[in-house]
Amino acid sequence: MAIVVVLDMPGMTQAQYEQSAEKVAGRPGPVESPADWPVSGLISHTAAPTSNGWLVVDVWESEEAFQQFGETLIPILRELGLADVQPQTYPVFNVVTR
């Protein structure tokens, strides 16, 4: 079952988001497609600044796919000084894409 993952990261800057994206992709520059992720299963990725940090909302094909990605992501966030990020997950009811 697909899931929505919400990462609300107070204190994260745009520079830190860009650094994390480069580390996730394993190359310089922004992430541009699901193929940039180190594991399969990403359906969509959205990132936006908030009044106090950064927000990421992903849709994954399954909890297992996101957990596998988390093995890469969480150490990257810790390295960037964001040790307390707690992903919130929710079952998907509906996904609409272009």
PDB file of N, CA and C in Angstrom:
ATOM      1  N   MET A   1       0.837  -1.179   0.000  1.00  0.00           N
ATOM      2  CA  MET A   1       0.000   0.000   0.000  1.00  0.00           C
ATOM      3  C   MET A   1       0.882   1.242   0.000  1.00  0.00           C
ATOM      4  N   ALA A   2       0.514   2.215  -0.799  1.00  0.00           N
ATOM      5  CA  ALA A   2       1.262   3.469  -0.874  1.00  0.00           C
ATOM      6  C   ALA A   2       1.096   4.260   0.419  1.00  0.00           C
ATOM      7  N   ILE A   3       2.129   5.057   0.728  1.00  0.00           N
ATOM      8  CA  ILE A   3       2.091   5.907   1.913  1.00  0.00           C
ATOM      9  C   ILE A   3       2.536   7.316   1.560  1.00  0.00           C
ATOM     10  N   VAL A   4       2.058   8.269   2.356  1.00  0.00           N
ATOM     11  CA  VAL A   4       2.520   9.653   2.308  1.00  0.00           C
ATOM     12  C   VAL A   4       3.492   9.808   3.467  1.00  0.00           C
ATOM     13  N   VAL A   5       4.635  10.419   3.205  1.00  0.00           N
ATOM     14  CA  VAL A   5       5.623  10.692   4.247  1.00  0.00           C
ATOM     15  C   VAL A   5       5.792  12.202   4.344  1.00  0.00           C
ATOM     16  N   VAL A   6       5.620  12.739   5.554  1.00  0.00           N
ATOM     17  CA  VAL A   6       5.769  14.164   5.796  1.00  0.00           C
ATOM     18  C   VAL A   6       6.967  14.363   6.718  1.00  0.00           C
ATOM     19  N   LEU A   7       7.917  15.188   6.269  1.00  0.00           N
ATOM     20  CA  LEU A   7       9.069  15.545   7.089  1.00  0.00           C
ATOM     21  C   LEU A   7       9.029  17.049   7.310  1.00  0.00           C
ATOM     22  N   ASP A   8       8.663  17.446   8.516  1.00  0.00           N
ATOM     23  CA  ASP A   8       8.649  18.850   8.897  1.00  0.00           C
ATOM     24  C   ASP A   8       9.958  19.095   9.628  1.00  0.00           C
ATOM     25  N   MET A   9      10.803  19.968   9.071  1.00  0.00           N
ATOM     26  CA  MET A   9      12.155  20.126   9.594  1.00  0.00           C
ATOM     27  C   MET A   9      12.442  21.570   9.996  1.00  0.00           C
ATOM     28  N   PRO A  10      11.994  21.965  11.202  1.00  0.00           N
ATOM     29  CA  PRO A  10      12.284  23.310  11.678  1.00  0.00           C
ATOM     30  C   PRO A  10      13.796  23.536  11.728  1.00  0.00           C
ATOM     31  N   GLY A  11      14.200  24.722  11.313  1.00  0.00           N
ATOM     32  CA  GLY A  11      15.617  25.065  11.341  1.00  0.00           C
ATOM     33  C   GLY A  11      16.378  24.689  10.089  1.00  0.00           C
ATOM     34  N   MET A  12      15.820  23.848   9.240  1.00  0.00           N
ATOM     35  CA  MET A  12      16.514  23.477   8.003  1.00  0.00           C
ATOM     36  C   MET A  12      16.491  24.659   7.048  1.00  0.00           C
ATOM     37  N   THR A  13      17.615  24.894   6.406  1.00  0.00           N
ATOM     38  CA  THR A  13      17.720  25.970   5.431  1.00  0.00           C
ATOM     39  C   THR A  13      17.632  25.413   4.016  1.00  0.00           C
ATOM     40  N   GLN A  14      17.457  26.294   3.058  1.00  0.00           N
ATOM     41  CA  GLN A  14      17.458  25.862   1.660  1.00  0.00           C
ATOM     42  C   GLN A  14      18.797  25.239   1.304  1.00  0.00           C
ATOM     43  N   ALA A  15      19.887  25.812   1.811  1.00  0.00           N
ATOM     44  CA  ALA A  15      21.222  25.262   1.533  1.00  0.00           C
ATOM     45  C   ALA A  15      21.334  23.835   2.067  1.00  0.00           C
ATOM     46  N   GLN A  16      20.814  23.586   3.263  1.00  0.00           N
ATOM     47  CA  GLN A  16      20.859  22.232   3.820  1.00  0.00           C
ATOM     48  C   GLN A  16      19.995  21.280   2.997  1.00  0.00           C
ATOM     49  N   TYR A  17      18.822  21.755   2.549  1.00  0.00           N
ATOM     50  CA  TYR A  17      17.986  20.907   1.694  1.00  0.00           C
ATOM     51  C   TYR A  17      18.747  20.549   0.416  1.00  0.00           C
ATOM     52  N   GLU A  18      19.369  21.539  -0.202  1.00  0.00           N
ATOM     53  CA  GLU A  18      20.111  21.286  -1.437  1.00  0.00           C
ATOM     54  C   GLU A  18      21.278  20.329  -1.196  1.00  0.00           C
ATOM     55  N   GLN A  19      21.959  20.464  -0.061  1.00  0.00           N
ATOM     56  CA  GLN A  19      23.045  19.530   0.273  1.00  0.00           C
ATOM     57  C   GLN A  19      22.501  18.120   0.451  1.00  0.00           C
ATOM     58  N   SER A  20      21.368  17.999   1.134  1.00  0.00           N
ATOM     59  CA  SER A  20      20.795  16.670   1.348  1.00  0.00           C
ATOM     60  C   SER A  20      20.378  16.046   0.021  1.00  0.00           C
ATOM     61  N   ALA A  21      19.820  16.853  -0.881  1.00  0.00           N
ATOM     62  CA  ALA A  21      19.399  16.341  -2.192  1.00  0.00           C
ATOM     63  C   ALA A  21      20.593  15.839  -2.995  1.00  0.00           C
ATOM     64  N   GLU A  22      21.696  16.579  -2.938  1.00  0.00           N
ATOM     65  CA  GLU A  22      22.903  16.145  -3.652  1.00  0.00           C
ATOM     66  C   GLU A  22      23.441  14.840  -3.076  1.00  0.00           C
ATOM     67  N   LYS A  23      23.393  14.713  -1.757  1.00  0.00           N
ATOM     68  CA  LYS A  23      23.874  13.483  -1.122  1.00  0.00           C
ATOM     69  C   LYS A  23      22.951  12.306  -1.446  1.00  0.00           C
ATOM     70  N   VAL A  24      21.651  12.545  -1.480  1.00  0.00           N
ATOM     71  CA  VAL A  24      20.700  11.495  -1.846  1.00  0.00           C
ATOM     72  C   VAL A  24      20.962  11.034  -3.278  1.00  0.00           C
ATOM     73  N   ALA A  25      21.124  11.991  -4.190  1.00  0.00           N
ATOM     74  CA  ALA A  25      21.324  11.662  -5.607  1.00  0.00           C
ATOM     75  C   ALA A  25      22.722  11.127  -5.888  1.00  0.00           C
ATOM     76  N   GLY A  26      23.670  11.439  -4.999  1.00  0.00           N
ATOM     77  CA  GLY A  26      25.041  10.983  -5.218  1.00  0.00           C
ATOM     78  C   GLY A  26      25.761  11.757  -6.300  1.00  0.00           C
ATOM     79  N   ARG A  27      25.298  12.994  -6.536  1.00  0.00           N
ATOM     80  CA  ARG A  27      25.915  13.833  -7.556  1.00  0.00           C
ATOM     81  C   ARG A  27      25.529  15.285  -7.291  1.00  0.00           C
ATOM     82  N   PRO A  28      26.271  16.234  -7.838  1.00  0.00           N
ATOM     83  CA  PRO A  28      25.901  17.643  -7.672  1.00  0.00           C
ATOM     84  C   PRO A  28      24.594  17.969  -8.395  1.00  0.00           C
ATOM     85  N   GLY A  29      23.909  18.978  -7.894  1.00  0.00           N
ATOM     86  CA  GLY A  29      22.699  19.452  -8.557  1.00  0.00           C
ATOM     87  C   GLY A  29      21.445  18.933  -7.890  1.00  0.00           C
ATOM     88  N   PRO A  30      20.304  19.458  -8.299  1.00  0.00           N
ATOM     89  CA  PRO A  30      19.029  19.094  -7.671  1.00  0.00           C
ATOM     90  C   PRO A  30      18.559  17.699  -8.073  1.00  0.00           C
ATOM     91  N   VAL A  31      17.694  17.128  -7.243  1.00  0.00           N
ATOM     92  CA  VAL A  31      17.019  15.893  -7.636  1.00  0.00           C
ATOM     93  C   VAL A  31      15.933  16.282  -8.633  1.00  0.00           C
ATOM     94  N   GLU A  32      15.824  15.507  -9.692  1.00  0.00           N
ATOM     95  CA  GLU A  32      14.907  15.876 -10.771  1.00  0.00           C
ATOM     96  C   GLU A  32      13.925  14.793 -11.161  1.00  0.00           C
ATOM     97  N   SER A  33      14.202  13.546 -10.767  1.00  0.00           N
ATOM     98  CA  SER A  33      13.291  12.459 -11.110  1.00  0.00           C
ATOM     99  C   SER A  33      13.428  11.361 -10.056  1.00  0.00           C
ATOM    100  N   PRO A  34      12.446  10.468  -9.968  1.00  0.00           N
ATOM    101  CA  PRO A  34      12.557   9.363  -9.015  1.00  0.00           C
ATOM    102  C   PRO A  34      13.819   8.517  -9.228  1.00  0.00           C
ATOM    103  N   ALA A  35      14.386   8.537 -10.413  1.00  0.00           N
ATOM    104  CA  ALA A  35      15.618   7.785 -10.679  1.00  0.00           C
ATOM    105  C   ALA A  35      16.805   8.350  -9.910  1.00  0.00           C
ATOM    106  N   ASP A  36      16.689   9.588  -9.394  1.00  0.00           N
ATOM    107  CA  ASP A  36      17.766  10.187  -8.614  1.00  0.00           C
ATOM    108  C   ASP A  36      17.851   9.604  -7.201  1.00  0.00           C
ATOM    109  N   TRP A  37      16.817   8.899  -6.750  1.00  0.00           N
ATOM    110  CA  TRP A  37      16.822   8.328  -5.406  1.00  0.00           C
ATOM    111  C   TRP A  37      17.598   7.015  -5.407  1.00  0.00           C
ATOM    112  N   PRO A  38      18.247   6.686  -4.282  1.00  0.00           N
ATOM    113  CA  PRO A  38      19.071   5.481  -4.233  1.00  0.00           C
ATOM    114  C   PRO A  38      18.278   4.182  -4.131  1.00  0.00           C
ATOM    115  N   VAL A  39      16.975   4.270  -3.964  1.00  0.00           N
ATOM    116  CA  VAL A  39      16.118   3.082  -3.923  1.00  0.00           C
ATOM    117  C   VAL A  39      14.906   3.338  -4.809  1.00  0.00           C
ATOM    118  N   SER A  40      14.275   2.275  -5.236  1.00  0.00           N
ATOM    119  CA  SER A  40      13.074   2.448  -6.058  1.00  0.00           C
ATOM    120  C   SER A  40      11.858   2.578  -5.151  1.00  0.00           C
ATOM    121  N   GLY A  41      10.774   3.057  -5.706  1.00  0.00           N
ATOM    122  CA  GLY A  41       9.523   3.123  -4.977  1.00  0.00           C
ATOM    123  C   GLY A  41       8.994   4.522  -4.744  1.00  0.00           C
ATOM    124  N   LEU A  42       9.759   5.555  -5.087  1.00  0.00           N
ATOM    125  CA  LEU A  42       9.282   6.920  -4.918  1.00  0.00           C
ATOM    126  C   LEU A  42       8.274   7.237  -6.020  1.00  0.00           C
ATOM    127  N   ILE A  43       7.103   7.735  -5.632  1.00  0.00           N
ATOM    128  CA  ILE A  43       6.084   8.155  -6.594  1.00  0.00           C
ATOM    129  C   ILE A  43       6.174   9.649  -6.827  1.00  0.00           C
ATOM    130  N   SER A  44       6.310  10.429  -5.732  1.00  0.00           N
ATOM    131  CA  SER A  44       6.442  11.880  -5.890  1.00  0.00           C
ATOM    132  C   SER A  44       7.218  12.464  -4.714  1.00  0.00           C
ATOM    133  N   HIS A  45       7.824  13.614  -4.969  1.00  0.00           N
ATOM    134  CA  HIS A  45       8.600  14.340  -3.954  1.00  0.00           C
ATOM    135  C   HIS A  45       8.292  15.819  -4.115  1.00  0.00           C
ATOM    136  N   THR A  46       7.944  16.461  -3.000  1.00  0.00           N
ATOM    137  CA  THR A  46       7.678  17.894  -2.997  1.00  0.00           C
ATOM    138  C   THR A  46       8.387  18.495  -1.799  1.00  0.00           C
ATOM    139  N   ALA A  47       9.080  19.608  -2.021  1.00  0.00           N
ATOM    140  CA  ALA A  47       9.787  20.286  -0.933  1.00  0.00           C
ATOM    141  C   ALA A  47       9.452  21.770  -0.987  1.00  0.00           C
ATOM    142  N   ALA A  48       9.338  22.386   0.202  1.00  0.00           N
ATOM    143  CA  ALA A  48       8.979  23.796   0.261  1.00  0.00           C
ATOM    144  C   ALA A  48       9.521  24.421   1.540  1.00  0.00           C
ATOM    145  N   PRO A  49       9.884  25.706   1.442  1.00  0.00           N
ATOM    146  CA  PRO A  49      10.275  26.408   2.670  1.00  0.00           C
ATOM    147  C   PRO A  49       9.028  26.697   3.510  1.00  0.00           C
ATOM    148  N   THR A  50       9.223  26.728   4.828  1.00  0.00           N
ATOM    149  CA  THR A  50       8.160  27.118   5.746  1.00  0.00           C
ATOM    150  C   THR A  50       8.633  28.361   6.502  1.00  0.00           C
ATOM    151  N   SER A  51       7.813  28.876   7.371  1.00  0.00           N
ATOM    152  CA  SER A  51       8.197  30.071   8.129  1.00  0.00           C
ATOM    153  C   SER A  51       9.354  29.804   9.085  1.00  0.00           C
ATOM    154  N   ASN A  52       9.589  28.527   9.410  1.00  0.00           N
ATOM    155  CA  ASN A  52      10.676  28.232  10.344  1.00  0.00           C
ATOM    156  C   ASN A  52      11.597  27.097   9.902  1.00  0.00           C
ATOM    157  N   GLY A  53      11.546  26.716   8.636  1.00  0.00           N
ATOM    158  CA  GLY A  53      12.414  25.624   8.187  1.00  0.00           C
ATOM    159  C   GLY A  53      12.045  25.118   6.814  1.00  0.00           C
ATOM    160  N   TRP A  54      11.867  23.807   6.726  1.00  0.00           N
ATOM    161  CA  TRP A  54      11.635  23.169   5.435  1.00  0.00           C
ATOM    162  C   TRP A  54      10.646  22.036   5.614  1.00  0.00           C
ATOM    163  N   LEU A  55       9.820  21.802   4.603  1.00  0.00           N
ATOM    164  CA  LEU A  55       8.826  20.741   4.612  1.00  0.00           C
ATOM    165  C   LEU A  55       9.023  19.875   3.378  1.00  0.00           C
ATOM    166  N   VAL A  56       9.009  18.560   3.573  1.00  0.00           N
ATOM    167  CA  VAL A  56       9.085  17.620   2.462  1.00  0.00           C
ATOM    168  C   VAL A  56       7.893  16.680   2.573  1.00  0.00           C
ATOM    169  N   VAL A  57       7.215  16.473   1.445  1.00  0.00           N
ATOM    170  CA  VAL A  57       6.097  15.535   1.381  1.00  0.00           C
ATOM    171  C   VAL A  57       6.372  14.587   0.216  1.00  0.00           C
ATOM    172  N   ASP A  58       6.521  13.315   0.556  1.00  0.00           N
ATOM    173  CA  ASP A  58       6.775  12.284  -0.457  1.00  0.00           C
ATOM    174  C   ASP A  58       5.616  11.304  -0.489  1.00  0.00           C
ATOM    175  N   VAL A  59       5.420  10.670  -1.634  1.00  0.00           N
ATOM    176  CA  VAL A  59       4.538   9.521  -1.743  1.00  0.00           C
ATOM    177  C   VAL A  59       5.418   8.355  -2.180  1.00  0.00           C
ATOM    178  N   TRP A  60       5.329   7.264  -1.420  1.00  0.00           N
ATOM    179  CA  TRP A  60       6.115   6.051  -1.682  1.00  0.00           C
ATOM    180  C   TRP A  60       5.174   4.898  -1.979  1.00  0.00           C
ATOM    181  N   GLU A  61       5.643   3.956  -2.800  1.00  0.00           N
ATOM    182  CA  GLU A  61       4.833   2.791  -3.156  1.00  0.00           C
ATOM    183  C   GLU A  61       4.495   1.930  -1.948  1.00  0.00           C
ATOM    184  N   SER A  62       5.379   1.945  -0.923  1.00  0.00           N
ATOM    185  CA  SER A  62       5.140   1.112   0.258  1.00  0.00           C
ATOM    186  C   SER A  62       5.950   1.628   1.436  1.00  0.00           C
ATOM    187  N   GLU A  63       5.541   1.216   2.619  1.00  0.00           N
ATOM    188  CA  GLU A  63       6.286   1.525   3.850  1.00  0.00           C
ATOM    189  C   GLU A  63       7.701   0.950   3.759  1.00  0.00           C
ATOM    190  N   GLU A  64       7.821  -0.250   3.201  1.00  0.00           N
ATOM    191  CA  GLU A  64       9.124  -0.898   3.083  1.00  0.00           C
ATOM    192  C   GLU A  64      10.077  -0.091   2.205  1.00  0.00           C
ATOM    193  N   ALA A  65       9.568   0.449   1.097  1.00  0.00           N
ATOM    194  CA  ALA A  65      10.417   1.255   0.209  1.00  0.00           C
ATOM    195  C   ALA A  65      10.911   2.492   0.939  1.00  0.00           C
ATOM    196  N   PHE A  66      10.027   3.160   1.684  1.00  0.00           N
ATOM    197  CA  PHE A  66      10.471   4.340   2.421  1.00  0.00           C
ATOM    198  C   PHE A  66      11.456   3.965   3.517  1.00  0.00           C
ATOM    199  N   GLN A  67      11.219   2.873   4.226  1.00  0.00           N
ATOM    200  CA  GLN A  67      12.156   2.457   5.280  1.00  0.00           C
ATOM    201  C   GLN A  67      13.537   2.191   4.695  1.00  0.00           C
ATOM    202  N   GLN A  68      13.588   1.581   3.517  1.00  0.00           N
ATOM    203  CA  GLN A  68      14.873   1.349   2.859  1.00  0.00           C
ATOM    204  C   GLN A  68      15.542   2.685   2.534  1.00  0.00           C
ATOM    205  N   PHE A  69      14.776   3.644   2.042  1.00  0.00           N
ATOM    206  CA  PHE A  69      15.322   4.969   1.760  1.00  0.00           C
ATOM    207  C   PHE A  69      15.767   5.660   3.043  1.00  0.00           C
ATOM    208  N   GLY A  70      15.014   5.474   4.116  1.00  0.00           N
ATOM    209  CA  GLY A  70      15.365   6.075   5.398  1.00  0.00           C
ATOM    210  C   GLY A  70      16.747   5.675   5.876  1.00  0.00           C
ATOM    211  N   GLU A  71      17.199   4.483   5.504  1.00  0.00           N
ATOM    212  CA  GLU A  71      18.541   4.038   5.869  1.00  0.00           C
ATOM    213  C   GLU A  71      19.617   4.922   5.239  1.00  0.00           C
ATOM    214  N   THR A  72      19.297   5.555   4.134  1.00  0.00           N
ATOM    215  CA  THR A  72      20.190   6.516   3.491  1.00  0.00           C
ATOM    216  C   THR A  72      19.924   7.925   4.012  1.00  0.00           C
ATOM    217  N   LEU A  73      18.651   8.301   4.112  1.00  0.00           N
ATOM    218  CA  LEU A  73      18.282   9.671   4.434  1.00  0.00           C
ATOM    219  C   LEU A  73      18.637  10.092   5.856  1.00  0.00           C
ATOM    220  N   ILE A  74      18.293   9.289   6.831  1.00  0.00           N
ATOM    221  CA  ILE A  74      18.469   9.701   8.231  1.00  0.00           C
ATOM    222  C   ILE A  74      19.929  10.013   8.545  1.00  0.00           C
ATOM    223  N   PRO A  75      20.901   9.202   8.132  1.00  0.00           N
ATOM    224  CA  PRO A  75      22.301   9.589   8.380  1.00  0.00           C
ATOM    225  C   PRO A  75      22.696  10.903   7.692  1.00  0.00           C
ATOM    226  N   ILE A  76      22.136  11.173   6.518  1.00  0.00           N
ATOM    227  CA  ILE A  76      22.427  12.429   5.818  1.00  0.00           C
ATOM    228  C   ILE A  76      21.885  13.603   6.635  1.00  0.00           C
ATOM    229  N   LEU A  77      20.661  13.480   7.122  1.00  0.00           N
ATOM    230  CA  LEU A  77      20.078  14.562   7.922  1.00  0.00           C
ATOM    231  C   LEU A  77      20.867  14.779   9.205  1.00  0.00           C
ATOM    232  N   ARG A  78      21.287  13.702   9.846  1.00  0.00           N
ATOM    233  CA  ARG A  78      22.105  13.835  11.060  1.00  0.00           C
ATOM    234  C   ARG A  78      23.412  14.550  10.753  1.00  0.00           C
ATOM    235  N   GLU A  79      24.047  14.184   9.649  1.00  0.00           N
ATOM    236  CA  GLU A  79      25.307  14.813   9.233  1.00  0.00           C
ATOM    237  C   GLU A  79      25.127  16.321   9.034  1.00  0.00           C
ATOM    238  N   LEU A  80      23.933  16.726   8.592  1.00  0.00           N
ATOM    239  CA  LEU A  80      23.645  18.138   8.360  1.00  0.00           C
ATOM    240  C   LEU A  80      23.162  18.850   9.621  1.00  0.00           C
ATOM    241  N   GLY A  81      23.152  18.144  10.753  1.00  0.00           N
ATOM    242  CA  GLY A  81      22.750  18.758  12.014  1.00  0.00           C
ATOM    243  C   GLY A  81      21.271  18.682  12.320  1.00  0.00           C
ATOM    244  N   LEU A  82      20.543  17.814  11.633  1.00  0.00           N
ATOM    245  CA  LEU A  82      19.098  17.670  11.833  1.00  0.00           C
ATOM    246  C   LEU A  82      18.798  16.299  12.428  1.00  0.00           C
ATOM    247  N   ALA A  83      19.240  16.103  13.651  1.00  0.00           N
ATOM    248  CA  ALA A  83      19.162  14.789  14.285  1.00  0.00           C
ATOM    249  C   ALA A  83      17.767  14.395  14.747  1.00  0.00           C
ATOM    250  N   ASP A  84      16.875  15.361  14.929  1.00  0.00           N
ATOM    251  CA  ASP A  84      15.569  15.064  15.527  1.00  0.00           C
ATOM    252  C   ASP A  84      14.427  14.936  14.531  1.00  0.00           C
ATOM    253  N   VAL A  85      14.713  14.732  13.276  1.00  0.00           N
ATOM    254  CA  VAL A  85      13.652  14.621  12.270  1.00  0.00           C
ATOM    255  C   VAL A  85      12.899  13.308  12.477  1.00  0.00           C
ATOM    256  N   GLN A  86      11.582  13.413  12.619  1.00  0.00           N
ATOM    257  CA  GLN A  86      10.715  12.251  12.807  1.00  0.00           C
ATOM    258  C   GLN A  86       9.705  12.188  11.663  1.00  0.00           C
ATOM    259  N   PRO A  87       9.949  11.358  10.655  1.00  0.00           N
ATOM    260  CA  PRO A  87       8.990  11.259   9.558  1.00  0.00           C
ATOM    261  C   PRO A  87       7.613  10.804  10.059  1.00  0.00           C
ATOM    262  N   GLN A  88       6.582  11.430   9.548  1.00  0.00           N
ATOM    263  CA  GLN A  88       5.205  11.037   9.825  1.00  0.00           C
ATOM    264  C   GLN A  88       4.686  10.330   8.576  1.00  0.00           C
ATOM    265  N   THR A  89       4.103   9.157   8.752  1.00  0.00           N
ATOM    266  CA  THR A  89       3.593   8.411   7.600  1.00  0.00           C
ATOM    267  C   THR A  89       2.090   8.207   7.723  1.00  0.00           C
ATOM    268  N   TYR A  90       1.446   8.193   6.556  1.00  0.00           N
ATOM    269  CA  TYR A  90      -0.004   8.032   6.484  1.00  0.00           C
ATOM    270  C   TYR A  90      -0.333   7.156   5.281  1.00  0.00           C
ATOM    271  N   PRO A  91      -1.332   6.282   5.404  1.00  0.00           N
ATOM    272  CA  PRO A  91      -1.741   5.488   4.253  1.00  0.00           C
ATOM    273  C   PRO A  91      -2.367   6.383   3.184  1.00  0.00           C
ATOM    274  N   VAL A  92      -2.074   6.101   1.955  1.00  0.00           N
ATOM    275  CA  VAL A  92      -2.625   6.889   0.841  1.00  0.00           C
ATOM    276  C   VAL A  92      -4.031   6.404   0.531  1.00  0.00           C
ATOM    277  N   PHE A  93      -4.913   7.360   0.376  1.00  0.00           N
ATOM    278  CA  PHE A  93      -6.272   7.054  -0.076  1.00  0.00           C
ATOM    279  C   PHE A  93      -6.391   7.280  -1.578  1.00  0.00           C
ATOM    280  N   ASN A  94      -5.717   8.354  -2.076  1.00  0.00           N
ATOM    281  CA  ASN A  94      -5.832   8.712  -3.480  1.00  0.00           C
ATOM    282  C   ASN A  94      -4.573   9.463  -3.897  1.00  0.00           C
ATOM    283  N   VAL A  95      -4.086   9.201  -5.087  1.00  0.00           N
ATOM    284  CA  VAL A  95      -2.962   9.933  -5.664  1.00  0.00           C
ATOM    285  C   VAL A  95      -3.365  10.360  -7.067  1.00  0.00           C
ATOM    286  N   VAL A  96      -3.188  11.615  -7.374  1.00  0.00           N
ATOM    287  CA  VAL A  96      -3.476  12.136  -8.712  1.00  0.00           C
ATOM    288  C   VAL A  96      -2.177  12.748  -9.228  1.00  0.00           C
ATOM    289  N   THR A  97      -1.747  12.336 -10.385  1.00  0.00           N
ATOM    290  CA  THR A  97      -0.539  12.900 -10.997  1.00  0.00           C
ATOM    291  C   THR A  97      -0.861  13.385 -12.394  1.00  0.00           C
ATOM    292  N   ARG A  98       0.046  14.124 -12.917  1.00  0.00           N
ATOM    293  CA  ARG A  98      -0.134  14.672 -14.254  1.00  0.00           C
ATOM    294  C   ARG A  98      -0.059  13.612 -15.306  1.00  0.00           C
TER     295      ARG A  98
END
